């Protein structure tokens, strides 16, 4: 799931908690190291500064989809 780092009625941390275990990729208008670390510490899968690089975004997206599949398989195996 892609989510902006700023939302009118909340912020990305609430989204991450609401959709867990779905991987959340945070999109931001700024490329700041502290913002990146904050997103990862909040549980984001990754952080992309806009405008996003298409190749890098694709790599991150495919990686998130693979992680989502691994989490689903793990959950099914441990039920």
N, C-alpha and C. Protein backbone atom coordinates (compact mmCIF):
# COMPACT_ATOMS: atom_id res chain seq x y z
N UNK A 1 0.84 -1.15 0.00
CA UNK A 1 0.00 0.00 0.00
C UNK A 1 0.90 1.23 0.00
N UNK A 2 0.54 2.22 -0.82
CA UNK A 2 1.22 3.50 -0.82
C UNK A 2 0.42 4.47 0.05
N UNK A 3 1.13 5.30 0.81
CA UNK A 3 0.48 6.25 1.69
C UNK A 3 1.32 7.52 1.77
N UNK A 4 0.67 8.66 1.74
CA UNK A 4 1.37 9.92 1.89
C UNK A 4 1.83 10.08 3.34
N UNK A 5 2.92 10.82 3.53
CA UNK A 5 3.38 11.06 4.90
C UNK A 5 2.53 12.11 5.62
N UNK A 6 1.75 12.87 4.86
CA UNK A 6 0.83 13.84 5.45
C UNK A 6 -0.58 13.59 4.93
N UNK A 7 -1.50 13.42 5.83
CA UNK A 7 -2.89 13.17 5.49
C UNK A 7 -3.75 14.22 6.19
N UNK A 8 -4.87 14.61 5.59
CA UNK A 8 -5.68 15.68 6.19
C UNK A 8 -6.25 15.35 7.58
N UNK A 9 -6.56 14.09 7.84
CA UNK A 9 -7.20 13.75 9.11
C UNK A 9 -6.36 12.83 10.00
N UNK A 10 -5.15 12.52 9.59
CA UNK A 10 -4.32 11.59 10.36
C UNK A 10 -2.91 11.68 9.82
N UNK A 11 -2.10 10.67 10.13
CA UNK A 11 -0.80 10.57 9.51
C UNK A 11 -0.52 9.12 9.19
N UNK A 12 0.57 8.87 8.53
CA UNK A 12 0.86 7.53 8.04
C UNK A 12 0.97 6.48 9.15
N UNK A 13 1.30 6.89 10.37
CA UNK A 13 1.42 5.91 11.47
C UNK A 13 0.09 5.21 11.73
N UNK A 14 -1.00 5.97 11.68
CA UNK A 14 -2.32 5.37 11.88
C UNK A 14 -2.66 4.41 10.76
N UNK A 15 -2.28 4.75 9.56
CA UNK A 15 -2.53 3.85 8.42
C UNK A 15 -1.74 2.56 8.59
N UNK A 16 -0.48 2.68 8.96
CA UNK A 16 0.35 1.48 9.15
C UNK A 16 -0.27 0.56 10.18
N UNK A 17 -0.71 1.12 11.30
CA UNK A 17 -1.34 0.30 12.35
C UNK A 17 -2.65 -0.33 11.86
N UNK A 18 -3.42 0.41 11.06
CA UNK A 18 -4.73 -0.07 10.61
C UNK A 18 -4.64 -1.21 9.60
N UNK A 19 -3.61 -1.22 8.79
CA UNK A 19 -3.55 -2.22 7.72
C UNK A 19 -2.53 -3.32 7.98
N UNK A 20 -1.89 -3.30 9.14
CA UNK A 20 -0.90 -4.31 9.45
C UNK A 20 -1.50 -5.70 9.26
N UNK A 21 -0.89 -6.63 8.61
CA UNK A 21 0.50 -6.74 8.20
C UNK A 21 0.78 -6.34 6.75
N UNK A 22 -0.10 -5.60 6.12
CA UNK A 22 0.13 -5.16 4.73
C UNK A 22 1.31 -4.19 4.72
N UNK A 23 2.29 -4.40 3.84
CA UNK A 23 3.43 -3.48 3.77
C UNK A 23 2.99 -2.09 3.28
N UNK A 24 3.43 -1.04 3.96
CA UNK A 24 3.09 0.33 3.59
C UNK A 24 4.36 1.05 3.13
N UNK A 25 4.27 1.65 1.95
CA UNK A 25 5.35 2.45 1.41
C UNK A 25 4.92 3.91 1.55
N UNK A 26 5.69 4.67 2.31
CA UNK A 26 5.35 6.06 2.59
C UNK A 26 5.93 6.95 1.49
N UNK A 27 5.07 7.80 0.93
CA UNK A 27 5.48 8.79 -0.07
C UNK A 27 5.57 10.15 0.59
N UNK A 28 6.65 10.87 0.28
CA UNK A 28 6.86 12.18 0.89
C UNK A 28 7.33 13.20 -0.13
N UNK A 29 7.00 14.46 0.13
CA UNK A 29 7.48 15.53 -0.74
C UNK A 29 8.91 15.94 -0.42
N UNK A 30 9.45 15.43 0.68
CA UNK A 30 10.81 15.78 1.08
C UNK A 30 11.67 14.53 1.24
N UNK A 31 12.92 14.67 0.90
CA UNK A 31 13.88 13.57 1.07
C UNK A 31 14.76 13.91 2.26
N UNK A 32 14.33 13.52 3.43
CA UNK A 32 15.07 13.80 4.66
C UNK A 32 15.37 12.50 5.39
N UNK A 33 16.59 12.37 5.83
CA UNK A 33 17.02 11.16 6.52
C UNK A 33 16.18 10.90 7.77
N UNK A 34 15.91 11.95 8.56
CA UNK A 34 15.12 11.78 9.78
C UNK A 34 13.69 11.31 9.47
N UNK A 35 13.11 11.84 8.40
CA UNK A 35 11.76 11.42 8.01
C UNK A 35 11.76 9.96 7.57
N UNK A 36 12.80 9.56 6.85
CA UNK A 36 12.96 8.16 6.42
C UNK A 36 13.03 7.25 7.65
N UNK A 37 13.88 7.60 8.60
CA UNK A 37 14.02 6.78 9.80
C UNK A 37 12.73 6.73 10.61
N UNK A 38 12.04 7.86 10.70
CA UNK A 38 10.76 7.90 11.42
C UNK A 38 9.75 6.95 10.78
N UNK A 39 9.68 6.95 9.46
CA UNK A 39 8.75 6.06 8.76
C UNK A 39 9.09 4.60 9.01
N UNK A 40 10.37 4.25 8.92
CA UNK A 40 10.76 2.86 9.15
C UNK A 40 10.52 2.44 10.59
N UNK A 41 10.80 3.33 11.53
CA UNK A 41 10.56 3.01 12.95
C UNK A 41 9.07 2.84 13.24
N UNK A 42 8.22 3.51 12.47
CA UNK A 42 6.78 3.39 12.64
C UNK A 42 6.24 2.11 12.01
N UNK A 43 7.09 1.40 11.26
CA UNK A 43 6.67 0.14 10.66
C UNK A 43 6.48 0.18 9.16
N UNK A 44 6.83 1.30 8.53
CA UNK A 44 6.70 1.38 7.07
C UNK A 44 7.67 0.39 6.41
N UNK A 45 7.26 -0.13 5.29
CA UNK A 45 8.13 -1.03 4.54
C UNK A 45 9.27 -0.24 3.92
N UNK A 46 8.97 0.95 3.41
CA UNK A 46 9.98 1.81 2.80
C UNK A 46 9.44 3.23 2.72
N UNK A 47 10.29 4.14 2.25
CA UNK A 47 9.99 5.56 2.19
C UNK A 47 10.52 6.07 0.86
N UNK A 48 9.67 6.74 0.10
CA UNK A 48 10.07 7.25 -1.21
C UNK A 48 9.79 8.74 -1.27
N UNK A 49 10.82 9.51 -1.65
CA UNK A 49 10.65 10.94 -1.83
C UNK A 49 10.11 11.19 -3.24
N UNK A 50 9.18 12.13 -3.35
CA UNK A 50 8.59 12.47 -4.64
C UNK A 50 9.38 13.59 -5.30
N UNK A 51 9.46 13.61 -6.59
CA UNK A 51 8.86 12.64 -7.50
C UNK A 51 9.65 11.34 -7.47
N UNK A 52 8.94 10.22 -7.44
CA UNK A 52 9.63 8.94 -7.34
C UNK A 52 10.31 8.54 -8.64
N UNK A 53 11.41 7.87 -8.51
CA UNK A 53 12.09 7.29 -9.65
C UNK A 53 11.34 6.01 -10.02
N UNK A 54 10.87 5.88 -11.27
CA UNK A 54 10.07 4.71 -11.65
C UNK A 54 10.76 3.37 -11.42
N UNK A 55 12.03 3.27 -11.75
CA UNK A 55 12.74 2.00 -11.57
C UNK A 55 12.87 1.64 -10.09
N UNK A 56 13.23 2.62 -9.27
CA UNK A 56 13.37 2.38 -7.84
C UNK A 56 12.02 2.05 -7.21
N UNK A 57 10.98 2.75 -7.63
CA UNK A 57 9.64 2.48 -7.12
C UNK A 57 9.20 1.06 -7.47
N UNK A 58 9.47 0.64 -8.69
CA UNK A 58 9.15 -0.73 -9.10
C UNK A 58 9.88 -1.76 -8.27
N UNK A 59 11.17 -1.53 -8.02
CA UNK A 59 11.95 -2.47 -7.20
C UNK A 59 11.39 -2.56 -5.79
N UNK A 60 11.06 -1.41 -5.21
CA UNK A 60 10.50 -1.40 -3.86
C UNK A 60 9.13 -2.08 -3.83
N UNK A 61 8.30 -1.81 -4.83
CA UNK A 61 6.98 -2.42 -4.89
C UNK A 61 7.07 -3.94 -4.99
N UNK A 62 7.91 -4.44 -5.89
CA UNK A 62 8.06 -5.89 -6.02
C UNK A 62 8.61 -6.52 -4.75
N UNK A 63 9.51 -5.83 -4.09
CA UNK A 63 10.05 -6.31 -2.83
C UNK A 63 8.94 -6.37 -1.76
N UNK A 64 8.09 -5.35 -1.71
CA UNK A 64 6.98 -5.33 -0.75
C UNK A 64 5.99 -6.46 -1.04
N UNK A 65 5.72 -6.69 -2.31
CA UNK A 65 4.80 -7.78 -2.66
C UNK A 65 5.37 -9.14 -2.25
N UNK A 66 6.67 -9.32 -2.43
CA UNK A 66 7.31 -10.56 -1.99
C UNK A 66 7.25 -10.72 -0.49
N UNK A 67 7.45 -9.62 0.24
CA UNK A 67 7.37 -9.65 1.70
C UNK A 67 5.95 -9.98 2.14
N UNK A 68 4.97 -9.42 1.47
CA UNK A 68 3.58 -9.68 1.80
C UNK A 68 3.26 -11.16 1.60
N UNK A 69 3.76 -11.74 0.53
CA UNK A 69 3.54 -13.17 0.27
C UNK A 69 4.20 -14.03 1.33
N UNK A 70 5.42 -13.66 1.72
CA UNK A 70 6.12 -14.43 2.76
C UNK A 70 5.37 -14.36 4.08
N UNK A 71 4.84 -13.18 4.43
CA UNK A 71 4.09 -13.04 5.67
C UNK A 71 2.81 -13.88 5.64
N UNK A 72 2.13 -13.88 4.51
CA UNK A 72 0.90 -14.66 4.38
C UNK A 72 1.19 -16.14 4.50
N UNK A 73 2.24 -16.61 3.83
CA UNK A 73 2.61 -18.03 3.91
C UNK A 73 3.03 -18.42 5.31
N UNK A 74 3.75 -17.55 6.00
CA UNK A 74 4.16 -17.82 7.37
C UNK A 74 2.95 -17.91 8.28
N UNK A 75 2.00 -16.98 8.11
CA UNK A 75 0.80 -16.98 8.95
C UNK A 75 -0.02 -18.24 8.73
N UNK A 76 -0.15 -18.69 7.49
CA UNK A 76 -0.92 -19.90 7.20
C UNK A 76 -0.23 -21.14 7.78
N UNK A 77 1.07 -21.15 7.75
CA UNK A 77 1.81 -22.31 8.25
C UNK A 77 1.77 -22.40 9.78
N UNK A 78 1.51 -21.30 10.44
CA UNK A 78 1.52 -21.28 11.91
C UNK A 78 0.15 -21.08 12.52
N UNK A 79 -0.89 -21.49 11.80
CA UNK A 79 -2.26 -21.38 12.31
C UNK A 79 -2.62 -22.67 12.99
